[in-house]
Amino acid sequence: MKRYFLKMTGGGKSPARVRPIEIFWSWVGSFCGIFAVAYLSKNYMEPNDLTLVIGSFGATAVLLYAAIRSPLAQPWNLMGGHFFSALVGVTCYKLFQPQFLAAAMAVSLAIASMLFLKCLHPPGGATALIAVIGSAKIHSLGYLYALIPAGLGAVVMLAIALIVNNLARERRYPEYWL
């Protein structure tokens, strides 16, 4: 039993420590990415009754700025994951009732879509869910939700990732584009 437990938990080894410089660049990237999206939203979107900030961008920041080598953090996964999941979420909101059914359909179909399109990005599941459970402001966007905030916000975060993740010699982003 002990042997099985050790095998399942990685043999009792703890994960490698993250170097302070990696923590620094992850902090810089995530701060700049979320700041840019929030700033643009406050100053340019909200006066026009739009938003650029959705909760799934918090998880996107973890991938783009801290797990930059992950396949889930690469540009196609980021852009396709948010965009197609947003389309799926809006469609499920419009087609299914009650809301709990629409929520379950949105997340599960978003996952299936991302897998089919080879653009798996876990925050995309949250993007689909937000389309269903979001505010009246989110619902009023309809399919525009896939462009603003999901698409445009992802583009802004990608631009910041391209800049910040390539400032340090030991970091390179992206690993690949498609």
N, C-alpha and C. Protein backbone atom coordinates (compact mmCIF):
# COMPACT_ATOMS: atom_id res chain seq x y z
N MET A 1 0.83 -1.20 0.00
CA MET A 1 0.00 0.00 0.00
C MET A 1 0.87 1.26 0.00
N LYS A 2 1.93 1.24 0.81
CA LYS A 2 2.82 2.40 0.87
C LYS A 2 3.46 2.65 -0.50
N ARG A 3 3.86 1.59 -1.18
CA ARG A 3 4.48 1.70 -2.50
C ARG A 3 3.49 2.36 -3.48
N TYR A 4 2.21 1.93 -3.44
CA TYR A 4 1.18 2.49 -4.30
C TYR A 4 1.00 3.98 -4.00
N PHE A 5 0.94 4.33 -2.72
CA PHE A 5 0.76 5.73 -2.33
C PHE A 5 1.92 6.59 -2.82
N LEU A 6 3.14 6.11 -2.63
CA LEU A 6 4.31 6.87 -3.08
C LEU A 6 4.30 7.05 -4.59
N LYS A 7 3.89 6.01 -5.32
CA LYS A 7 3.82 6.11 -6.76
C LYS A 7 2.78 7.15 -7.18
N MET A 8 1.63 7.15 -6.53
CA MET A 8 0.55 8.07 -6.88
C MET A 8 0.87 9.52 -6.50
N THR A 9 1.72 9.71 -5.51
CA THR A 9 2.03 11.07 -5.06
C THR A 9 3.38 11.56 -5.55
N GLY A 10 3.96 10.87 -6.52
CA GLY A 10 5.23 11.30 -7.07
C GLY A 10 6.42 10.78 -6.30
N GLY A 11 6.21 9.72 -5.54
CA GLY A 11 7.32 9.11 -4.82
C GLY A 11 7.74 9.87 -3.59
N GLY A 12 6.90 10.73 -3.09
CA GLY A 12 7.24 11.47 -1.88
C GLY A 12 8.12 12.68 -2.14
N LYS A 13 8.40 13.00 -3.39
CA LYS A 13 9.23 14.15 -3.74
C LYS A 13 8.36 15.40 -3.82
N SER A 14 8.90 16.49 -3.35
CA SER A 14 8.17 17.75 -3.48
C SER A 14 8.57 18.40 -4.81
N PRO A 15 7.72 19.26 -5.34
CA PRO A 15 8.05 19.91 -6.60
C PRO A 15 9.30 20.78 -6.45
N ALA A 16 10.00 20.97 -7.55
CA ALA A 16 11.19 21.82 -7.54
C ALA A 16 10.80 23.25 -7.18
N ARG A 17 11.69 23.91 -6.51
CA ARG A 17 11.44 25.30 -6.15
C ARG A 17 11.50 26.18 -7.41
N VAL A 18 10.67 27.18 -7.41
CA VAL A 18 10.68 28.15 -8.50
C VAL A 18 11.71 29.21 -8.14
N ARG A 19 12.56 29.50 -9.09
CA ARG A 19 13.61 30.49 -8.84
C ARG A 19 12.99 31.88 -8.65
N PRO A 20 13.59 32.68 -7.79
CA PRO A 20 13.06 34.03 -7.54
C PRO A 20 12.88 34.86 -8.81
N ILE A 21 13.77 34.73 -9.77
CA ILE A 21 13.65 35.50 -11.01
C ILE A 21 12.40 35.09 -11.79
N GLU A 22 12.05 33.82 -11.75
CA GLU A 22 10.81 33.35 -12.41
C GLU A 22 9.58 33.91 -11.70
N ILE A 23 9.64 33.93 -10.38
CA ILE A 23 8.53 34.52 -9.61
C ILE A 23 8.38 35.99 -9.97
N PHE A 24 9.51 36.69 -10.06
CA PHE A 24 9.49 38.11 -10.42
C PHE A 24 8.82 38.32 -11.77
N TRP A 25 9.27 37.60 -12.81
CA TRP A 25 8.72 37.79 -14.16
C TRP A 25 7.26 37.36 -14.23
N SER A 26 6.88 36.34 -13.48
CA SER A 26 5.47 35.93 -13.43
C SER A 26 4.62 37.03 -12.81
N TRP A 27 5.15 37.66 -11.77
CA TRP A 27 4.44 38.77 -11.13
C TRP A 27 4.32 39.94 -12.09
N VAL A 28 5.42 40.32 -12.73
CA VAL A 28 5.40 41.46 -13.67
C VAL A 28 4.39 41.20 -14.78
N GLY A 29 4.45 40.03 -15.38
CA GLY A 29 3.55 39.71 -16.48
C GLY A 29 2.09 39.73 -16.06
N SER A 30 1.80 39.06 -14.94
CA SER A 30 0.39 39.00 -14.52
C SER A 30 -0.13 40.37 -14.12
N PHE A 31 0.70 41.16 -13.45
CA PHE A 31 0.28 42.52 -13.09
C PHE A 31 0.01 43.34 -14.35
N CYS A 32 0.94 43.33 -15.27
CA CYS A 32 0.78 44.14 -16.50
C CYS A 32 -0.40 43.66 -17.34
N GLY A 33 -0.58 42.35 -17.47
CA GLY A 33 -1.68 41.81 -18.27
C GLY A 33 -3.04 42.18 -17.71
N ILE A 34 -3.23 41.94 -16.43
CA ILE A 34 -4.53 42.26 -15.83
C ILE A 34 -4.72 43.77 -15.74
N PHE A 35 -3.66 44.51 -15.43
CA PHE A 35 -3.75 45.97 -15.39
C PHE A 35 -4.19 46.52 -16.74
N ALA A 36 -3.58 46.03 -17.82
CA ALA A 36 -3.91 46.53 -19.16
C ALA A 36 -5.37 46.27 -19.50
N VAL A 37 -5.83 45.06 -19.23
CA VAL A 37 -7.23 44.71 -19.52
C VAL A 37 -8.18 45.56 -18.67
N ALA A 38 -7.88 45.69 -17.39
CA ALA A 38 -8.75 46.46 -16.49
C ALA A 38 -8.73 47.95 -16.85
N TYR A 39 -7.56 48.48 -17.17
CA TYR A 39 -7.43 49.90 -17.55
C TYR A 39 -8.22 50.20 -18.83
N LEU A 40 -8.03 49.36 -19.83
CA LEU A 40 -8.75 49.57 -21.09
C LEU A 40 -10.25 49.44 -20.89
N SER A 41 -10.65 48.51 -20.04
CA SER A 41 -12.07 48.33 -19.77
C SER A 41 -12.65 49.58 -19.11
N LYS A 42 -11.99 50.04 -18.07
CA LYS A 42 -12.49 51.19 -17.32
C LYS A 42 -12.55 52.45 -18.17
N ASN A 43 -11.53 52.68 -18.98
CA ASN A 43 -11.44 53.94 -19.71
C ASN A 43 -12.07 53.94 -21.09
N TYR A 44 -12.19 52.78 -21.72
CA TYR A 44 -12.69 52.76 -23.09
C TYR A 44 -13.94 51.91 -23.30
N MET A 45 -14.09 50.87 -22.52
CA MET A 45 -15.23 49.97 -22.74
C MET A 45 -16.45 50.38 -21.91
N GLU A 46 -16.24 50.59 -20.63
CA GLU A 46 -17.37 50.88 -19.74
C GLU A 46 -18.14 52.14 -20.12
N PRO A 47 -17.48 53.20 -20.60
CA PRO A 47 -18.26 54.36 -21.06
C PRO A 47 -19.20 54.00 -22.22
N ASN A 48 -18.90 52.92 -22.93
CA ASN A 48 -19.75 52.45 -24.03
C ASN A 48 -20.58 51.23 -23.62
N ASP A 49 -20.73 51.03 -22.31
CA ASP A 49 -21.52 49.95 -21.74
C ASP A 49 -20.99 48.56 -22.12
N LEU A 50 -19.68 48.46 -22.30
CA LEU A 50 -19.02 47.18 -22.56
C LEU A 50 -18.07 46.88 -21.41
N THR A 51 -17.58 45.66 -21.36
CA THR A 51 -16.58 45.29 -20.37
C THR A 51 -15.46 44.55 -21.09
N LEU A 52 -14.28 44.60 -20.52
CA LEU A 52 -13.17 43.85 -21.07
C LEU A 52 -12.62 42.86 -20.04
N VAL A 53 -13.18 42.90 -18.84
CA VAL A 53 -12.69 42.06 -17.76
C VAL A 53 -13.68 40.94 -17.47
N ILE A 54 -13.20 39.71 -17.60
CA ILE A 54 -13.99 38.55 -17.18
C ILE A 54 -13.12 37.71 -16.27
N GLY A 55 -13.75 37.00 -15.36
CA GLY A 55 -13.03 36.24 -14.34
C GLY A 55 -12.06 35.22 -14.89
N SER A 56 -12.35 34.65 -16.04
CA SER A 56 -11.48 33.62 -16.59
C SER A 56 -10.10 34.16 -16.95
N PHE A 57 -9.96 35.48 -17.08
CA PHE A 57 -8.65 36.05 -17.38
C PHE A 57 -7.67 35.90 -16.21
N GLY A 58 -8.18 35.74 -15.00
CA GLY A 58 -7.30 35.48 -13.86
C GLY A 58 -6.56 34.16 -14.05
N ALA A 59 -7.27 33.14 -14.48
CA ALA A 59 -6.64 31.84 -14.73
C ALA A 59 -5.75 31.90 -15.97
N THR A 60 -6.15 32.68 -16.96
CA THR A 60 -5.31 32.86 -18.14
C THR A 60 -3.98 33.48 -17.74
N ALA A 61 -4.00 34.43 -16.81
CA ALA A 61 -2.76 35.06 -16.36
C ALA A 61 -1.80 34.04 -15.75
N VAL A 62 -2.32 33.08 -15.01
CA VAL A 62 -1.46 32.04 -14.43
C VAL A 62 -0.75 31.29 -15.54
N LEU A 63 -1.47 30.92 -16.58
CA LEU A 63 -0.85 30.18 -17.68
C LEU A 63 0.11 31.03 -18.49
N LEU A 64 -0.31 32.22 -18.88
CA LEU A 64 0.49 33.06 -19.77
C LEU A 64 1.77 33.61 -19.14
N TYR A 65 1.73 33.82 -17.84
CA TYR A 65 2.87 34.49 -17.22
C TYR A 65 3.64 33.60 -16.23
N ALA A 66 3.07 32.48 -15.82
CA ALA A 66 3.77 31.60 -14.88
C ALA A 66 4.05 30.21 -15.47
N ALA A 67 3.23 29.76 -16.39
CA ALA A 67 3.41 28.42 -16.99
C ALA A 67 3.59 28.59 -18.50
N ILE A 68 4.53 29.43 -18.88
CA ILE A 68 4.65 29.87 -20.27
C ILE A 68 5.02 28.76 -21.25
N ARG A 69 5.57 27.68 -20.76
CA ARG A 69 5.95 26.57 -21.64
C ARG A 69 4.82 25.56 -21.81
N SER A 70 3.77 25.70 -21.04
CA SER A 70 2.66 24.77 -21.13
C SER A 70 1.98 24.87 -22.49
N PRO A 71 1.61 23.74 -23.07
CA PRO A 71 0.84 23.79 -24.32
C PRO A 71 -0.47 24.57 -24.15
N LEU A 72 -1.01 24.58 -22.94
CA LEU A 72 -2.27 25.28 -22.67
C LEU A 72 -2.12 26.79 -22.69
N ALA A 73 -0.88 27.28 -22.66
CA ALA A 73 -0.61 28.72 -22.62
C ALA A 73 -0.21 29.29 -23.97
N GLN A 74 -0.15 28.48 -25.00
CA GLN A 74 0.33 28.94 -26.30
C GLN A 74 -0.76 29.75 -27.02
N PRO A 75 -0.37 30.62 -27.95
CA PRO A 75 -1.32 31.57 -28.55
C PRO A 75 -2.59 30.96 -29.15
N TRP A 76 -2.48 29.87 -29.91
CA TRP A 76 -3.70 29.29 -30.49
C TRP A 76 -4.63 28.80 -29.39
N ASN A 77 -4.06 28.19 -28.36
CA ASN A 77 -4.88 27.70 -27.26
C ASN A 77 -5.57 28.86 -26.54
N LEU A 78 -4.82 29.93 -26.30
CA LEU A 78 -5.37 31.12 -25.65
C LEU A 78 -6.50 31.71 -26.47
N MET A 79 -6.22 32.05 -27.72
CA MET A 79 -7.20 32.75 -28.55
C MET A 79 -8.39 31.86 -28.90
N GLY A 80 -8.10 30.68 -29.41
CA GLY A 80 -9.18 29.76 -29.76
C GLY A 80 -9.99 29.32 -28.56
N GLY A 81 -9.29 29.05 -27.46
CA GLY A 81 -9.98 28.60 -26.25
C GLY A 81 -11.00 29.61 -25.75
N HIS A 82 -10.62 30.88 -25.70
CA HIS A 82 -11.56 31.90 -25.23
C HIS A 82 -12.65 32.18 -26.27
N PHE A 83 -12.25 32.35 -27.53
CA PHE A 83 -13.22 32.73 -28.57
C PHE A 83 -14.29 31.66 -28.78
N PHE A 84 -13.86 30.42 -29.03
CA PHE A 84 -14.84 29.37 -29.32
C PHE A 84 -15.67 29.01 -28.08
N SER A 85 -15.06 29.07 -26.91
CA SER A 85 -15.81 28.80 -25.69
C SER A 85 -16.87 29.88 -25.45
N ALA A 86 -16.53 31.12 -25.79
CA ALA A 86 -17.51 32.20 -25.66
C ALA A 86 -18.70 31.97 -26.60
N LEU A 87 -18.41 31.58 -27.84
CA LEU A 87 -19.50 31.28 -28.78
C LEU A 87 -20.39 30.16 -28.26
N VAL A 88 -19.76 29.11 -27.77
CA VAL A 88 -20.52 27.98 -27.21
C VAL A 88 -21.36 28.44 -26.03
N GLY A 89 -20.76 29.22 -25.14
CA GLY A 89 -21.48 29.69 -23.95
C GLY A 89 -22.70 30.53 -24.29
N VAL A 90 -22.55 31.45 -25.23
CA VAL A 90 -23.69 32.30 -25.64
C VAL A 90 -24.77 31.43 -26.27
N THR A 91 -24.38 30.50 -27.11
CA THR A 91 -25.35 29.62 -27.76
C THR A 91 -26.13 28.81 -26.72
N CYS A 92 -25.43 28.28 -25.74
CA CYS A 92 -26.10 27.49 -24.70
C CYS A 92 -27.02 28.35 -23.85
N TYR A 93 -26.61 29.59 -23.58
CA TYR A 93 -27.47 30.51 -22.83
C TYR A 93 -28.78 30.75 -23.59
N LYS A 94 -28.69 30.87 -24.91
CA LYS A 94 -29.87 31.14 -25.72
C LYS A 94 -30.75 29.91 -25.93
N LEU A 95 -30.15 28.72 -25.95
CA LEU A 95 -30.90 27.51 -26.31
C LEU A 95 -31.43 26.69 -25.15
N PHE A 96 -30.78 26.75 -24.01
CA PHE A 96 -31.13 25.82 -22.93
C PHE A 96 -31.64 26.53 -21.70
N GLN A 97 -32.66 25.95 -21.12
CA GLN A 97 -33.20 26.37 -19.83
C GLN A 97 -33.56 25.11 -19.07
N PRO A 98 -33.43 25.06 -17.80
CA PRO A 98 -33.06 26.12 -16.86
C PRO A 98 -31.56 26.44 -16.93
N GLN A 99 -31.19 27.46 -16.19
CA GLN A 99 -29.82 27.95 -16.25
C GLN A 99 -28.79 26.88 -15.88
N PHE A 100 -29.09 26.01 -14.93
CA PHE A 100 -28.11 24.99 -14.56
C PHE A 100 -27.85 24.01 -15.70
N LEU A 101 -28.85 23.76 -16.53
CA LEU A 101 -28.65 22.91 -17.70
C LEU A 101 -27.78 23.65 -18.73
N ALA A 102 -28.07 24.92 -18.95
CA ALA A 102 -27.28 25.72 -19.88
C ALA A 102 -25.83 25.80 -19.43
N ALA A 103 -25.61 25.95 -18.12
CA ALA A 103 -24.24 26.02 -17.58
C ALA A 103 -23.48 24.72 -17.83
N ALA A 104 -24.12 23.60 -17.55
CA ALA A 104 -23.47 22.29 -17.76
C ALA A 104 -23.20 22.05 -19.24
N MET A 105 -24.14 22.39 -20.08
CA MET A 105 -23.95 22.23 -21.52
C MET A 105 -22.83 23.14 -22.03
N ALA A 106 -22.79 24.38 -21.55
CA ALA A 106 -21.78 25.33 -22.01
C ALA A 106 -20.37 24.84 -21.70
N VAL A 107 -20.13 24.43 -20.48
CA VAL A 107 -18.79 24.00 -20.10
C VAL A 107 -18.40 22.72 -20.82
N SER A 108 -19.30 21.75 -20.84
CA SER A 108 -18.95 20.47 -21.46
C SER A 108 -18.78 20.60 -22.98
N LEU A 109 -19.62 21.38 -23.62
CA LEU A 109 -19.47 21.59 -25.07
C LEU A 109 -18.25 22.46 -25.39
N ALA A 110 -17.92 23.39 -24.52
CA ALA A 110 -16.71 24.19 -24.72
C ALA A 110 -15.48 23.30 -24.66
N ILE A 111 -15.44 22.39 -23.69
CA ILE A 111 -14.32 21.47 -23.58
C ILE A 111 -14.23 20.61 -24.84
N ALA A 112 -15.36 20.06 -25.26
CA ALA A 112 -15.36 19.22 -26.47
C ALA A 112 -14.90 20.02 -27.69
N SER A 113 -15.37 21.25 -27.80
CA SER A 113 -14.98 22.10 -28.93
C SER A 113 -13.48 22.41 -28.91
N MET A 114 -12.96 22.75 -27.74
CA MET A 114 -11.53 23.06 -27.64
C MET A 114 -10.69 21.83 -27.97
N LEU A 115 -11.12 20.67 -27.51
CA LEU A 115 -10.38 19.44 -27.84
C LEU A 115 -10.43 19.17 -29.34
N PHE A 116 -11.60 19.31 -29.94
CA PHE A 116 -11.77 19.07 -31.37
C PHE A 116 -10.91 20.04 -32.19
N LEU A 117 -10.88 21.30 -31.77
CA LEU A 117 -10.15 22.34 -32.50
C LEU A 117 -8.68 22.46 -32.08
N LYS A 118 -8.26 21.61 -31.18
CA LYS A 118 -6.88 21.58 -30.68
C LYS A 118 -6.46 22.93 -30.09
N CYS A 119 -7.36 23.52 -29.30
CA CYS A 119 -7.06 24.80 -28.66
C CYS A 119 -7.47 24.77 -27.18
N LEU A 120 -7.14 23.67 -26.51
CA LEU A 120 -7.53 23.53 -25.10
C LEU A 120 -6.85 24.59 -24.24
N HIS A 121 -7.66 25.38 -23.57
CA HIS A 121 -7.21 26.43 -22.66
C HIS A 121 -8.19 26.40 -21.49
N PRO A 122 -7.82 25.82 -20.35
CA PRO A 122 -8.77 25.64 -19.26
C PRO A 122 -9.61 26.85 -18.90
N PRO A 123 -9.07 28.08 -18.91
CA PRO A 123 -9.94 29.22 -18.62
C PRO A 123 -11.09 29.37 -19.62
N GLY A 124 -10.99 28.73 -20.78
CA GLY A 124 -12.10 28.76 -21.73
C GLY A 124 -13.38 28.16 -21.15
N GLY A 125 -13.24 27.17 -20.30
CA GLY A 125 -14.42 26.61 -19.63
C GLY A 125 -15.13 27.68 -18.80
N ALA A 126 -14.34 28.50 -18.11
CA ALA A 126 -14.93 29.60 -17.33
C ALA A 126 -15.52 30.67 -18.24
N THR A 127 -14.89 30.91 -19.37
CA THR A 127 -15.43 31.89 -20.33
C THR A 127 -16.81 31.44 -20.81
N ALA A 128 -16.97 30.16 -21.10
CA ALA A 128 -18.28 29.63 -21.50
C ALA A 128 -19.29 29.75 -20.36
N LEU A 129 -18.85 29.43 -19.16
CA LEU A 129 -19.75 29.49 -18.00
C LEU A 129 -20.20 30.92 -17.72
N ILE A 130 -19.29 31.87 -17.85
CA ILE A 130 -19.63 33.28 -17.61
C ILE A 130 -20.70 33.75 -18.60
N ALA A 131 -20.66 33.24 -19.83
CA ALA A 131 -21.69 33.61 -20.81
C ALA A 131 -23.08 33.20 -20.35
N VAL A 132 -23.15 32.14 -19.55
CA VAL A 132 -24.44 31.65 -19.05
C VAL A 132 -24.83 32.30 -17.73
N ILE A 133 -23.90 32.38 -16.80
CA ILE A 133 -24.24 32.84 -15.44
C ILE A 133 -23.90 34.31 -15.21
N GLY A 134 -23.37 34.98 -16.23
CA GLY A 134 -22.96 36.37 -16.09
C GLY A 134 -24.13 37.31 -15.88
N SER A 135 -23.79 38.56 -15.73
CA SER A 135 -24.78 39.60 -15.47
C SER A 135 -25.62 39.89 -16.70
N ALA A 136 -26.64 40.71 -16.51
CA ALA A 136 -27.47 41.16 -17.63
C ALA A 136 -26.62 41.90 -18.66
N LYS A 137 -25.59 42.59 -18.19
CA LYS A 137 -24.68 43.31 -19.08
C LYS A 137 -23.95 42.33 -20.01
N ILE A 138 -23.51 41.22 -19.45
CA ILE A 138 -22.85 40.18 -20.26
C ILE A 138 -23.87 39.58 -21.23
N HIS A 139 -25.05 39.25 -20.75
CA HIS A 139 -26.07 38.64 -21.61
C HIS A 139 -26.48 39.57 -22.74
N SER A 140 -26.50 40.87 -22.48
CA SER A 140 -26.92 41.82 -23.52
C SER A 140 -25.92 41.89 -24.67
N LEU A 141 -24.70 41.45 -24.46
CA LEU A 141 -23.70 41.45 -25.53
C LEU A 141 -24.01 40.43 -26.62
N GLY A 142 -24.71 39.36 -26.26
CA GLY A 142 -24.97 38.30 -27.22
C GLY A 142 -23.66 37.75 -27.75
N TYR A 143 -23.60 37.52 -29.06
CA TYR A 143 -22.39 36.93 -29.65
C TYR A 143 -21.21 37.91 -29.70
N LEU A 144 -21.46 39.20 -29.48
CA LEU A 144 -20.37 40.16 -29.35
C LEU A 144 -19.45 39.77 -28.20
N TYR A 145 -19.98 39.04 -27.21
CA TYR A 145 -19.19 38.55 -26.07
C TYR A 145 -17.96 37.78 -26.53
N ALA A 146 -18.04 37.08 -27.65
CA ALA A 146 -16.88 36.33 -28.16
C ALA A 146 -15.77 37.26 -28.64
N LEU A 147 -16.15 38.45 -29.09
CA LEU A 147 -15.15 39.43 -29.55
C LEU A 147 -14.70 40.35 -28.43
N ILE A 148 -15.68 40.90 -27.71
CA ILE A 148 -15.42 41.80 -26.57
C ILE A 148 -16.32 41.32 -25.44
N PRO A 149 -15.78 40.77 -24.42
CA PRO A 149 -14.43 40.84 -23.91
C PRO A 149 -13.51 39.65 -24.24
N ALA A 150 -14.08 38.48 -24.61
CA ALA A 150 -13.26 37.27 -24.70
C ALA A 150 -12.10 37.39 -25.69
N GLY A 151 -12.38 37.79 -26.91
CA GLY A 151 -11.33 37.88 -27.92
C GLY A 151 -10.37 39.03 -27.70
N LEU A 152 -10.89 40.23 -27.54
CA LEU A 152 -10.03 41.40 -27.38
C LEU A 152 -9.20 41.33 -26.10
N GLY A 153 -9.81 40.89 -25.02
CA GLY A 153 -9.07 40.74 -23.76
C GLY A 153 -7.93 39.75 -23.91
N ALA A 154 -8.19 38.64 -24.61
CA ALA A 154 -7.14 37.64 -24.84
C ALA A 154 -6.02 38.22 -25.71
N VAL A 155 -6.36 39.05 -26.70
CA VAL A 155 -5.34 39.69 -27.54
C VAL A 155 -4.45 40.61 -26.69
N VAL A 156 -5.06 41.40 -25.83
CA VAL A 156 -4.30 42.30 -24.96
C VAL A 156 -3.36 41.50 -24.06
N MET A 157 -3.87 40.43 -23.46
CA MET A 157 -3.04 39.62 -22.58
C MET A 157 -1.93 38.92 -23.36
N LEU A 158 -2.21 38.51 -24.59
CA LEU A 158 -1.19 37.90 -25.44
C LEU A 158 -0.09 38.91 -25.77
N ALA A 159 -0.46 40.13 -26.10
CA ALA A 159 0.53 41.16 -26.41
C ALA A 159 1.46 41.40 -25.21
N ILE A 160 0.89 41.48 -24.03
CA ILE A 160 1.70 41.66 -22.82
C ILE A 160 2.60 40.45 -22.61
N ALA A 161 2.08 39.24 -22.85
CA ALA A 161 2.88 38.02 -22.69
C ALA A 161 4.06 38.02 -23.66
N LEU A 162 3.84 38.46 -24.88
CA LEU A 162 4.92 38.50 -25.87
C LEU A 162 6.03 39.46 -25.44
N ILE A 163 5.65 40.56 -24.84
CA ILE A 163 6.64 41.54 -24.39
C ILE A 163 7.35 41.06 -23.13
N VAL A 164 6.59 40.83 -22.08
CA VAL A 164 7.18 40.53 -20.77
C VAL A 164 7.94 39.20 -20.77
N ASN A 165 7.35 38.17 -21.36
CA ASN A 165 8.00 36.86 -21.32
C ASN A 165 9.27 36.78 -22.15
N ASN A 166 9.51 37.75 -23.00
CA ASN A 166 10.73 37.74 -23.81
C ASN A 166 11.75 38.79 -23.35
N LEU A 167 11.48 39.48 -22.26
CA LEU A 167 12.44 40.44 -21.72
C LEU A 167 13.62 39.73 -21.04
N ALA A 168 13.33 38.63 -20.37
CA ALA A 168 14.37 37.89 -19.65
C ALA A 168 15.05 36.91 -20.61
N ARG A 169 16.36 36.77 -20.50
CA ARG A 169 17.11 35.88 -21.39
C ARG A 169 16.67 34.42 -21.27
N GLU A 170 16.30 34.00 -20.07
CA GLU A 170 15.96 32.59 -19.85
C GLU A 170 14.50 32.25 -20.14
N ARG A 171 13.73 33.21 -20.59
CA ARG A 171 12.33 32.96 -20.93
C ARG A 171 12.13 33.19 -22.41
N ARG A 172 11.30 32.33 -23.00
CA ARG A 172 10.97 32.48 -24.42
C ARG A 172 9.49 32.13 -24.59
N TYR A 173 8.76 33.02 -25.20
CA TYR A 173 7.33 32.80 -25.43
C TYR A 173 6.98 33.39 -26.79
N PRO A 174 6.22 32.68 -27.58
CA PRO A 174 5.62 31.37 -27.34
C PRO A 174 6.57 30.23 -27.72
N GLU A 175 6.20 29.06 -27.31
CA GLU A 175 6.93 27.86 -27.73
C GLU A 175 6.59 27.57 -29.20
N TYR A 176 5.34 27.84 -29.58
CA TYR A 176 4.88 27.69 -30.95
C TYR A 176 3.60 28.50 -31.09
N TRP A 177 3.22 28.84 -32.31
CA TRP A 177 2.03 29.65 -32.54
C TRP A 177 0.77 28.81 -32.76
N LEU A 178 0.87 27.78 -33.59
CA LEU A 178 -0.31 26.96 -33.90
C LEU A 178 -0.09 25.53 -33.48
